[in-house]
Amino acid sequence: MGENIQRVCVSILTVMVVILSLSNDTKGNNDLAMAPMSEQGLLPNPLSCVAEAKKIPDCVEAVKQGNMKDIKQECCIILLGLPEDCFGILFPMRFYYRIILKITCKLIGIF
């Protein structure tokens, strides 16, 4: 009985991987920019990701600490222009911070 359950689980995982691979190949990420890759090409290059954000002093720290009054137009443009992978390197909860940043940038009239 245990082998049957294991076979079913492996089969389901295999089908899921194939479906995800096909959807990724056919749809791609045309609307999302990809992060700069490391030399091996497997993971995003954190130094390239952080270089853009470092151009604006205290931008990332203002977002992390919730000092939304310190966020300027350049900060919004740079951070919201980062690929999703890079945003995840800079912020621990990337979806939360991206939403907060978008709302703040809209409130100050940037986007």
N, C-alpha and C. Protein backbone atom coordinates (compact mmCIF):
# COMPACT_ATOMS: atom_id res chain seq x y z
N MET A 1 0.82 -1.19 0.00
CA MET A 1 0.00 0.00 0.00
C MET A 1 0.86 1.25 0.00
N GLY A 2 1.95 1.25 0.78
CA GLY A 2 2.82 2.41 0.86
C GLY A 2 3.50 2.73 -0.47
N GLU A 3 3.83 1.68 -1.23
CA GLU A 3 4.46 1.90 -2.53
C GLU A 3 3.50 2.54 -3.50
N ASN A 4 2.22 2.16 -3.44
CA ASN A 4 1.22 2.75 -4.34
C ASN A 4 1.06 4.24 -4.08
N ILE A 5 1.03 4.62 -2.82
CA ILE A 5 0.90 6.04 -2.47
C ILE A 5 2.13 6.81 -2.95
N GLN A 6 3.28 6.21 -2.77
CA GLN A 6 4.52 6.86 -3.21
C GLN A 6 4.52 7.02 -4.72
N ARG A 7 4.08 6.02 -5.46
CA ARG A 7 4.01 6.11 -6.93
C ARG A 7 3.03 7.20 -7.37
N VAL A 8 1.91 7.27 -6.70
CA VAL A 8 0.91 8.30 -7.04
C VAL A 8 1.49 9.68 -6.79
N CYS A 9 2.16 9.88 -5.67
CA CYS A 9 2.76 11.18 -5.35
C CYS A 9 3.84 11.56 -6.36
N VAL A 10 4.67 10.60 -6.72
CA VAL A 10 5.72 10.87 -7.71
C VAL A 10 5.10 11.19 -9.06
N SER A 11 4.05 10.49 -9.43
CA SER A 11 3.36 10.75 -10.70
C SER A 11 2.76 12.14 -10.72
N ILE A 12 2.11 12.52 -9.63
CA ILE A 12 1.50 13.85 -9.55
C ILE A 12 2.57 14.93 -9.63
N LEU A 13 3.66 14.76 -8.92
CA LEU A 13 4.74 15.75 -8.97
C LEU A 13 5.34 15.84 -10.36
N THR A 14 5.50 14.72 -11.04
CA THR A 14 6.05 14.72 -12.39
C THR A 14 5.13 15.47 -13.34
N VAL A 15 3.83 15.21 -13.25
CA VAL A 15 2.86 15.91 -14.10
C VAL A 15 2.88 17.40 -13.82
N MET A 16 2.97 17.78 -12.55
CA MET A 16 3.00 19.21 -12.20
C MET A 16 4.24 19.89 -12.77
N VAL A 17 5.38 19.23 -12.69
CA VAL A 17 6.62 19.81 -13.23
C VAL A 17 6.51 19.97 -14.74
N VAL A 18 5.96 18.99 -15.42
CA VAL A 18 5.81 19.07 -16.87
C VAL A 18 4.86 20.20 -17.24
N ILE A 19 3.74 20.31 -16.53
CA ILE A 19 2.78 21.38 -16.83
C ILE A 19 3.41 22.75 -16.59
N LEU A 20 4.11 22.91 -15.49
CA LEU A 20 4.76 24.19 -15.21
C LEU A 20 5.83 24.51 -16.25
N SER A 21 6.56 23.50 -16.68
CA SER A 21 7.59 23.71 -17.70
C SER A 21 6.97 24.13 -19.01
N LEU A 22 5.88 23.48 -19.40
CA LEU A 22 5.22 23.83 -20.65
C LEU A 22 4.63 25.23 -20.60
N SER A 23 3.99 25.57 -19.48
CA SER A 23 3.39 26.90 -19.38
C SER A 23 4.47 27.97 -19.37
N ASN A 24 5.59 27.70 -18.77
CA ASN A 24 6.69 28.65 -18.73
C ASN A 24 7.30 28.82 -20.12
N ASP A 25 7.41 27.72 -20.87
CA ASP A 25 7.97 27.79 -22.22
C ASP A 25 7.04 28.49 -23.19
N THR A 26 5.74 28.27 -23.07
CA THR A 26 4.81 28.84 -24.02
C THR A 26 4.45 30.29 -23.69
N LYS A 27 4.23 30.58 -22.43
CA LYS A 27 3.86 31.93 -22.04
C LYS A 27 5.09 32.78 -21.76
N GLY A 28 6.05 32.19 -21.10
CA GLY A 28 7.26 32.93 -20.74
C GLY A 28 6.97 34.00 -19.73
N ASN A 29 7.93 34.85 -19.53
CA ASN A 29 7.80 35.98 -18.62
C ASN A 29 7.99 37.26 -19.41
N ASN A 30 7.26 37.41 -20.49
CA ASN A 30 7.43 38.57 -21.34
C ASN A 30 7.11 39.88 -20.65
N ASP A 31 6.17 39.85 -19.72
CA ASP A 31 5.80 41.08 -19.04
C ASP A 31 6.64 41.36 -17.80
N LEU A 32 7.43 40.40 -17.36
CA LEU A 32 8.28 40.59 -16.19
C LEU A 32 9.74 40.55 -16.61
N ALA A 33 10.50 41.53 -16.19
CA ALA A 33 11.93 41.50 -16.48
C ALA A 33 12.60 40.47 -15.60
N MET A 34 13.56 39.79 -16.15
CA MET A 34 14.29 38.80 -15.38
C MET A 34 15.46 39.47 -14.69
N ALA A 35 15.82 38.96 -13.55
CA ALA A 35 16.93 39.51 -12.78
C ALA A 35 18.25 39.16 -13.47
N PRO A 36 19.27 39.99 -13.28
CA PRO A 36 20.58 39.63 -13.79
C PRO A 36 21.03 38.32 -13.17
N MET A 37 21.54 37.42 -13.99
CA MET A 37 21.93 36.09 -13.52
C MET A 37 23.39 36.05 -13.13
N SER A 38 23.70 35.12 -12.25
CA SER A 38 25.08 34.90 -11.88
C SER A 38 25.79 34.20 -13.04
N GLU A 39 27.08 34.00 -12.92
CA GLU A 39 27.85 33.40 -14.00
C GLU A 39 27.37 32.00 -14.32
N GLN A 40 26.91 31.25 -13.33
CA GLN A 40 26.40 29.92 -13.56
C GLN A 40 25.01 29.96 -14.18
N GLY A 41 24.32 31.08 -14.08
CA GLY A 41 23.01 31.23 -14.68
C GLY A 41 21.87 30.61 -13.90
N LEU A 42 22.09 30.18 -12.68
CA LEU A 42 21.04 29.53 -11.92
C LEU A 42 20.31 30.48 -10.98
N LEU A 43 21.03 31.38 -10.37
CA LEU A 43 20.45 32.27 -9.38
C LEU A 43 20.66 33.72 -9.79
N PRO A 44 19.81 34.63 -9.31
CA PRO A 44 20.04 36.04 -9.60
C PRO A 44 21.34 36.52 -8.96
N ASN A 45 21.97 37.46 -9.60
CA ASN A 45 23.22 38.03 -9.10
C ASN A 45 22.86 39.15 -8.13
N PRO A 46 23.05 38.95 -6.83
CA PRO A 46 22.62 39.96 -5.86
C PRO A 46 23.35 41.28 -6.01
N LEU A 47 24.60 41.27 -6.43
CA LEU A 47 25.33 42.52 -6.55
C LEU A 47 24.76 43.40 -7.65
N SER A 48 24.37 42.81 -8.76
CA SER A 48 23.76 43.58 -9.84
C SER A 48 22.40 44.11 -9.43
N CYS A 49 21.68 43.31 -8.66
CA CYS A 49 20.35 43.74 -8.21
C CYS A 49 20.44 44.92 -7.26
N VAL A 50 21.38 44.86 -6.35
CA VAL A 50 21.51 45.88 -5.32
C VAL A 50 22.13 47.16 -5.87
N ALA A 51 22.91 47.06 -6.94
CA ALA A 51 23.59 48.23 -7.49
C ALA A 51 22.61 49.32 -7.90
N GLU A 52 21.51 48.93 -8.52
CA GLU A 52 20.50 49.92 -8.93
C GLU A 52 19.90 50.62 -7.73
N ALA A 53 19.55 49.86 -6.71
CA ALA A 53 18.90 50.43 -5.53
C ALA A 53 19.85 51.32 -4.74
N LYS A 54 21.13 51.06 -4.78
CA LYS A 54 22.11 51.85 -4.03
C LYS A 54 22.33 53.23 -4.65
N LYS A 55 21.84 53.45 -5.88
CA LYS A 55 22.02 54.76 -6.53
C LYS A 55 21.28 55.86 -5.77
N ILE A 56 20.20 55.52 -5.12
CA ILE A 56 19.42 56.48 -4.35
C ILE A 56 19.69 56.23 -2.87
N PRO A 57 20.36 57.15 -2.19
CA PRO A 57 20.70 56.92 -0.78
C PRO A 57 19.45 56.79 0.09
N ASP A 58 19.48 55.85 1.01
CA ASP A 58 18.43 55.62 2.01
C ASP A 58 17.07 55.24 1.43
N CYS A 59 17.02 54.91 0.17
CA CYS A 59 15.74 54.55 -0.46
C CYS A 59 15.23 53.23 0.09
N VAL A 60 16.04 52.20 0.06
CA VAL A 60 15.63 50.88 0.52
C VAL A 60 15.34 50.91 2.01
N GLU A 61 16.18 51.60 2.77
CA GLU A 61 15.98 51.67 4.22
C GLU A 61 14.69 52.40 4.57
N ALA A 62 14.34 53.43 3.81
CA ALA A 62 13.10 54.16 4.07
C ALA A 62 11.89 53.25 3.86
N VAL A 63 11.94 52.42 2.84
CA VAL A 63 10.83 51.50 2.58
C VAL A 63 10.79 50.42 3.66
N LYS A 64 11.93 49.86 4.02
CA LYS A 64 11.98 48.80 5.03
C LYS A 64 11.48 49.29 6.38
N GLN A 65 11.81 50.53 6.73
CA GLN A 65 11.43 51.06 8.04
C GLN A 65 10.05 51.71 8.04
N GLY A 66 9.43 51.81 6.86
CA GLY A 66 8.10 52.38 6.78
C GLY A 66 8.08 53.90 6.79
N ASN A 67 9.21 54.54 6.50
CA ASN A 67 9.27 56.00 6.42
C ASN A 67 8.83 56.44 5.04
N MET A 68 7.54 56.37 4.81
CA MET A 68 7.02 56.64 3.47
C MET A 68 7.17 58.11 3.08
N LYS A 69 7.31 59.00 4.04
CA LYS A 69 7.49 60.42 3.72
C LYS A 69 8.87 60.68 3.12
N ASP A 70 9.82 59.75 3.34
CA ASP A 70 11.17 59.91 2.81
C ASP A 70 11.32 59.33 1.41
N ILE A 71 10.28 58.70 0.89
CA ILE A 71 10.35 58.11 -0.45
C ILE A 71 10.12 59.19 -1.49
N LYS A 72 11.05 59.30 -2.40
CA LYS A 72 11.00 60.31 -3.46
C LYS A 72 10.70 59.64 -4.79
N GLN A 73 10.53 60.47 -5.82
CA GLN A 73 10.19 59.97 -7.14
C GLN A 73 11.24 59.01 -7.68
N GLU A 74 12.52 59.35 -7.52
CA GLU A 74 13.59 58.48 -8.03
C GLU A 74 13.55 57.11 -7.36
N CYS A 75 13.25 57.10 -6.08
CA CYS A 75 13.17 55.86 -5.32
C CYS A 75 12.05 54.98 -5.89
N CYS A 76 10.90 55.56 -6.14
CA CYS A 76 9.79 54.79 -6.70
C CYS A 76 10.15 54.22 -8.07
N ILE A 77 10.74 55.04 -8.90
CA ILE A 77 11.07 54.61 -10.26
C ILE A 77 12.09 53.47 -10.23
N ILE A 78 13.12 53.62 -9.43
CA ILE A 78 14.17 52.59 -9.37
C ILE A 78 13.62 51.29 -8.78
N LEU A 79 12.97 51.36 -7.63
CA LEU A 79 12.52 50.14 -6.95
C LEU A 79 11.40 49.43 -7.69
N LEU A 80 10.45 50.16 -8.21
CA LEU A 80 9.36 49.50 -8.93
C LEU A 80 9.79 49.02 -10.31
N GLY A 81 10.93 49.50 -10.78
CA GLY A 81 11.47 49.03 -12.05
C GLY A 81 12.34 47.79 -11.92
N LEU A 82 12.63 47.40 -10.69
CA LEU A 82 13.46 46.21 -10.47
C LEU A 82 12.70 44.95 -10.84
N PRO A 83 13.38 43.96 -11.39
CA PRO A 83 12.73 42.67 -11.62
C PRO A 83 12.29 42.04 -10.30
N GLU A 84 11.32 41.17 -10.37
CA GLU A 84 10.75 40.54 -9.17
C GLU A 84 11.81 39.81 -8.35
N ASP A 85 12.75 39.16 -9.03
CA ASP A 85 13.81 38.43 -8.31
C ASP A 85 14.67 39.39 -7.50
N CYS A 86 15.01 40.53 -8.08
CA CYS A 86 15.84 41.50 -7.37
C CYS A 86 15.08 42.10 -6.19
N PHE A 87 13.81 42.37 -6.40
CA PHE A 87 13.00 42.94 -5.32
C PHE A 87 12.97 41.99 -4.14
N GLY A 88 12.94 40.69 -4.43
CA GLY A 88 12.96 39.69 -3.37
C GLY A 88 14.27 39.63 -2.62
N ILE A 89 15.36 40.01 -3.26
CA ILE A 89 16.66 40.04 -2.60
C ILE A 89 16.73 41.23 -1.64
N LEU A 90 16.15 42.34 -2.02
CA LEU A 90 16.22 43.55 -1.20
C LEU A 90 15.24 43.53 -0.03
N PHE A 91 14.09 42.92 -0.23
CA PHE A 91 13.05 42.96 0.79
C PHE A 91 12.63 41.55 1.17
N PRO A 92 12.50 41.27 2.47
CA PRO A 92 12.16 39.92 2.92
C PRO A 92 10.77 39.46 2.50
N MET A 93 9.80 40.34 2.52
CA MET A 93 8.43 40.02 2.09
C MET A 93 8.13 40.87 0.86
N ARG A 94 8.64 40.43 -0.28
CA ARG A 94 8.62 41.26 -1.48
C ARG A 94 7.23 41.68 -1.90
N PHE A 95 6.23 40.82 -1.79
CA PHE A 95 4.89 41.19 -2.23
C PHE A 95 4.30 42.28 -1.35
N TYR A 96 4.51 42.17 -0.06
CA TYR A 96 4.02 43.18 0.88
C TYR A 96 4.68 44.54 0.60
N TYR A 97 6.00 44.53 0.49
CA TYR A 97 6.71 45.79 0.27
C TYR A 97 6.39 46.38 -1.11
N ARG A 98 6.22 45.55 -2.11
CA ARG A 98 5.90 46.07 -3.45
C ARG A 98 4.53 46.74 -3.43
N ILE A 99 3.55 46.14 -2.76
CA ILE A 99 2.21 46.74 -2.68
C ILE A 99 2.26 48.05 -1.92
N ILE A 100 2.94 48.06 -0.78
CA ILE A 100 3.06 49.29 0.00
C ILE A 100 3.75 50.38 -0.81
N LEU A 101 4.80 50.00 -1.52
CA LEU A 101 5.53 50.98 -2.33
C LEU A 101 4.67 51.52 -3.47
N LYS A 102 3.91 50.65 -4.12
CA LYS A 102 3.02 51.10 -5.20
C LYS A 102 1.97 52.08 -4.68
N ILE A 103 1.39 51.75 -3.54
CA ILE A 103 0.37 52.63 -2.95
C ILE A 103 0.99 53.98 -2.59
N THR A 104 2.15 53.95 -1.97
CA THR A 104 2.82 55.20 -1.59
C THR A 104 3.16 56.03 -2.81
N CYS A 105 3.67 55.40 -3.85
CA CYS A 105 4.04 56.13 -5.06
C CYS A 105 2.81 56.72 -5.75
N LYS A 106 1.69 56.01 -5.70
CA LYS A 106 0.45 56.56 -6.26
C LYS A 106 -0.04 57.74 -5.44
N LEU A 107 0.08 57.65 -4.11
CA LEU A 107 -0.37 58.74 -3.26
C LEU A 107 0.44 60.01 -3.46
N ILE A 108 1.72 59.87 -3.74
CA ILE A 108 2.53 61.07 -3.96
C ILE A 108 2.54 61.48 -5.44
N GLY A 109 1.75 60.77 -6.26
CA GLY A 109 1.53 61.17 -7.64
C GLY A 109 2.58 60.74 -8.64
N ILE A 110 3.26 59.66 -8.37
CA ILE A 110 4.30 59.23 -9.30
C ILE A 110 3.77 58.22 -10.30
N PHE A 111 2.97 57.27 -9.86
CA PHE A 111 2.42 56.26 -10.77
C PHE A 111 0.92 56.31 -10.78
